[in-house]
Each structure stands twice: as C-alpha cells, then as structure tokens.
Amino acid sequence: MITQLLASIAQGVGQTLYVTGASLLFGGIIGLVLVGAARSPIGIIRTIASLYINIVRVIPPITWLFLIYFGLPQYALRLST
C-alpha cells in the first residue's frame, strides 16, 4: 500500500518537473521574443508587443487556468484528469 502510494507520488514528481521545465523553456523563448518586440525601433511592433504584455499582465493567473481548463474543451481539446 505505502509503496504504491510512493510510486504514484514519484511519478507525479517526474511529471511536475517535466511540465515545469517545458514551461520555463517555452516561457523564456516567448519572453525573449516579446522583449525584443517591445524594444523594437519599429513603432507598430513596439505598440502591439506592449499592448499584449499589458493585457496579459492584468489578467490573474487563476483566470488563465480557468480559461484553459474550461474553455479549451469547447474547441475539441480534452484534458484528462
């Protein structure tokens, strides 16, 4: 009983580390692109990047989680529990 529980927890820790690493990688890449766009000498690119950054900053993370979890299944993307 205890060994099965520990095995499940170990599997969950591995999955959590994988998701964390992937999120950091993709977030870092997207962040670098947005920083480059926000500091661009081209006005329209700078304006669009700043507008996107400000909109994303205003929305709380829990709202994003609700939108992903409850909104994506409406577009045929199902998340398993």
C-alpha atoms as a PDB file:
ATOM      1  CA  MET A   1       0.000   0.000   0.000  1.00  0.00           C
ATOM      2  CA  ILE A   2       2.686   2.510   1.021  1.00  0.00           C
ATOM      3  CA  THR A   3       4.987   1.503  -1.847  1.00  0.00           C
ATOM      4  CA  GLN A   4       2.197   2.018  -4.388  1.00  0.00           C
ATOM      5  CA  LEU A   5       1.499   5.433  -2.920  1.00  0.00           C
ATOM      6  CA  LEU A   6       5.162   6.388  -3.059  1.00  0.00           C
ATOM      7  CA  ALA A   7       5.400   5.139  -6.650  1.00  0.00           C
ATOM      8  CA  SER A   8       2.438   7.320  -7.614  1.00  0.00           C
ATOM      9  CA  ILE A   9       3.970  10.313  -5.886  1.00  0.00           C
ATOM     10  CA  ALA A  10       7.323   9.702  -7.616  1.00  0.00           C
ATOM     11  CA  GLN A  11       5.603   9.529 -10.984  1.00  0.00           C
ATOM     12  CA  GLY A  12       3.778  12.770 -10.199  1.00  0.00           C
ATOM     13  CA  VAL A  13       7.019  14.487  -9.210  1.00  0.00           C
ATOM     14  CA  GLY A  14       8.605  13.456 -12.511  1.00  0.00           C
ATOM     15  CA  GLN A  15       5.626  14.761 -14.462  1.00  0.00           C
ATOM     16  CA  THR A  16       5.665  18.011 -12.488  1.00  0.00           C
ATOM     17  CA  LEU A  17       9.371  18.541 -13.197  1.00  0.00           C
ATOM     18  CA  TYR A  18       8.780  17.859 -16.897  1.00  0.00           C
ATOM     19  CA  VAL A  19       5.905  20.365 -17.116  1.00  0.00           C
ATOM     20  CA  THR A  20       7.899  22.924 -15.119  1.00  0.00           C
ATOM     21  CA  GLY A  21      10.936  22.597 -17.380  1.00  0.00           C
ATOM     22  CA  ALA A  22       8.865  22.811 -20.555  1.00  0.00           C
ATOM     23  CA  SER A  23       7.019  25.868 -19.218  1.00  0.00           C
ATOM     24  CA  LEU A  24      10.272  27.605 -18.339  1.00  0.00           C
ATOM     25  CA  LEU A  25      11.737  26.843 -21.751  1.00  0.00           C
ATOM     26  CA  PHE A  26       8.732  27.997 -23.782  1.00  0.00           C
ATOM     27  CA  GLY A  27       8.051  30.943 -21.483  1.00  0.00           C
ATOM     28  CA  GLY A  28      11.652  32.070 -21.754  1.00  0.00           C
ATOM     29  CA  ILE A  29      11.617  31.880 -25.544  1.00  0.00           C
ATOM     30  CA  ILE A  30       8.307  33.731 -25.803  1.00  0.00           C
ATOM     31  CA  GLY A  31       9.508  36.277 -23.251  1.00  0.00           C
ATOM     32  CA  LEU A  32      12.695  36.982 -25.187  1.00  0.00           C
ATOM     33  CA  VAL A  33      10.718  37.482 -28.399  1.00  0.00           C
ATOM     34  CA  LEU A  34       8.323  39.851 -26.616  1.00  0.00           C
ATOM     35  CA  VAL A  35      11.184  41.838 -25.050  1.00  0.00           C
ATOM     36  CA  GLY A  36      12.775  42.169 -28.465  1.00  0.00           C
ATOM     37  CA  ALA A  37       9.478  43.319 -29.945  1.00  0.00           C
ATOM     38  CA  ALA A  38       8.810  45.758 -27.084  1.00  0.00           C
ATOM     39  CA  ARG A  39      12.240  47.353 -27.596  1.00  0.00           C
ATOM     40  CA  SER A  40      11.947  47.410 -31.384  1.00  0.00           C
ATOM     41  CA  PRO A  41      12.598  50.683 -33.202  1.00  0.00           C
ATOM     42  CA  ILE A  42       9.539  49.973 -35.372  1.00  0.00           C
ATOM     43  CA  GLY A  43       6.616  51.709 -33.710  1.00  0.00           C
ATOM     44  CA  ILE A  44       3.787  49.346 -34.688  1.00  0.00           C
ATOM     45  CA  ILE A  45       5.677  46.260 -33.483  1.00  0.00           C
ATOM     46  CA  ARG A  46       6.549  48.013 -30.214  1.00  0.00           C
ATOM     47  CA  THR A  47       2.919  49.098 -29.723  1.00  0.00           C
ATOM     48  CA  ILE A  48       1.483  45.623 -30.398  1.00  0.00           C
ATOM     49  CA  ALA A  49       4.015  43.962 -28.072  1.00  0.00           C
ATOM     50  CA  SER A  50       3.369  46.488 -25.293  1.00  0.00           C
ATOM     51  CA  LEU A  51      -0.396  46.093 -25.671  1.00  0.00           C
ATOM     52  CA  TYR A  52      -0.128  42.289 -25.494  1.00  0.00           C
ATOM     53  CA  ILE A  53       2.200  42.435 -22.469  1.00  0.00           C
ATOM     54  CA  ASN A  54      -0.094  44.819 -20.598  1.00  0.00           C
ATOM     55  CA  ILE A  55      -3.215  42.736 -21.308  1.00  0.00           C
ATOM     56  CA  VAL A  56      -1.542  39.509 -20.175  1.00  0.00           C
ATOM     57  CA  ARG A  57      -0.173  41.166 -17.018  1.00  0.00           C
ATOM     58  CA  VAL A  58      -3.601  42.434 -15.948  1.00  0.00           C
ATOM     59  CA  ILE A  59      -5.338  39.031 -16.097  1.00  0.00           C
ATOM     60  CA  PRO A  60      -4.705  36.964 -12.925  1.00  0.00           C
ATOM     61  CA  PRO A  61      -3.114  33.506 -13.386  1.00  0.00           C
ATOM     62  CA  ILE A  62      -6.150  31.739 -11.881  1.00  0.00           C
ATOM     63  CA  THR A  63      -8.261  33.236 -14.666  1.00  0.00           C
ATOM     64  CA  TRP A  64      -5.876  31.787 -17.255  1.00  0.00           C
ATOM     65  CA  LEU A  65      -6.156  28.381 -15.583  1.00  0.00           C
ATOM     66  CA  PHE A  66      -9.960  28.518 -15.675  1.00  0.00           C
ATOM     67  CA  LEU A  67      -9.918  29.609 -19.319  1.00  0.00           C
ATOM     68  CA  ILE A  68      -7.591  26.763 -20.269  1.00  0.00           C
ATOM     69  CA  TYR A  69      -9.349  24.068 -18.261  1.00  0.00           C
ATOM     70  CA  PHE A  70     -12.959  25.014 -19.034  1.00  0.00           C
ATOM     71  CA  GLY A  71     -12.543  26.876 -22.327  1.00  0.00           C
ATOM     72  CA  LEU A  72     -10.367  24.550 -24.393  1.00  0.00           C
ATOM     73  CA  PRO A  73     -12.735  21.542 -24.262  1.00  0.00           C
ATOM     74  CA  GLN A  74     -15.264  23.622 -26.188  1.00  0.00           C
ATOM     75  CA  TYR A  75     -12.817  23.539 -29.087  1.00  0.00           C
ATOM     76  CA  ALA A  76     -12.357  19.735 -29.044  1.00  0.00           C
ATOM     77  CA  LEU A  77      -9.255  19.761 -26.829  1.00  0.00           C
ATOM     78  CA  ARG A  78      -9.960  17.478 -23.870  1.00  0.00           C
ATOM     79  CA  LEU A  79      -7.726  17.376 -20.797  1.00  0.00           C
ATOM     80  CA  SER A  80      -7.572  14.083 -18.950  1.00  0.00           C
ATOM     81  CA  THR A  81      -7.855  14.097 -15.167  1.00  0.00           C
END
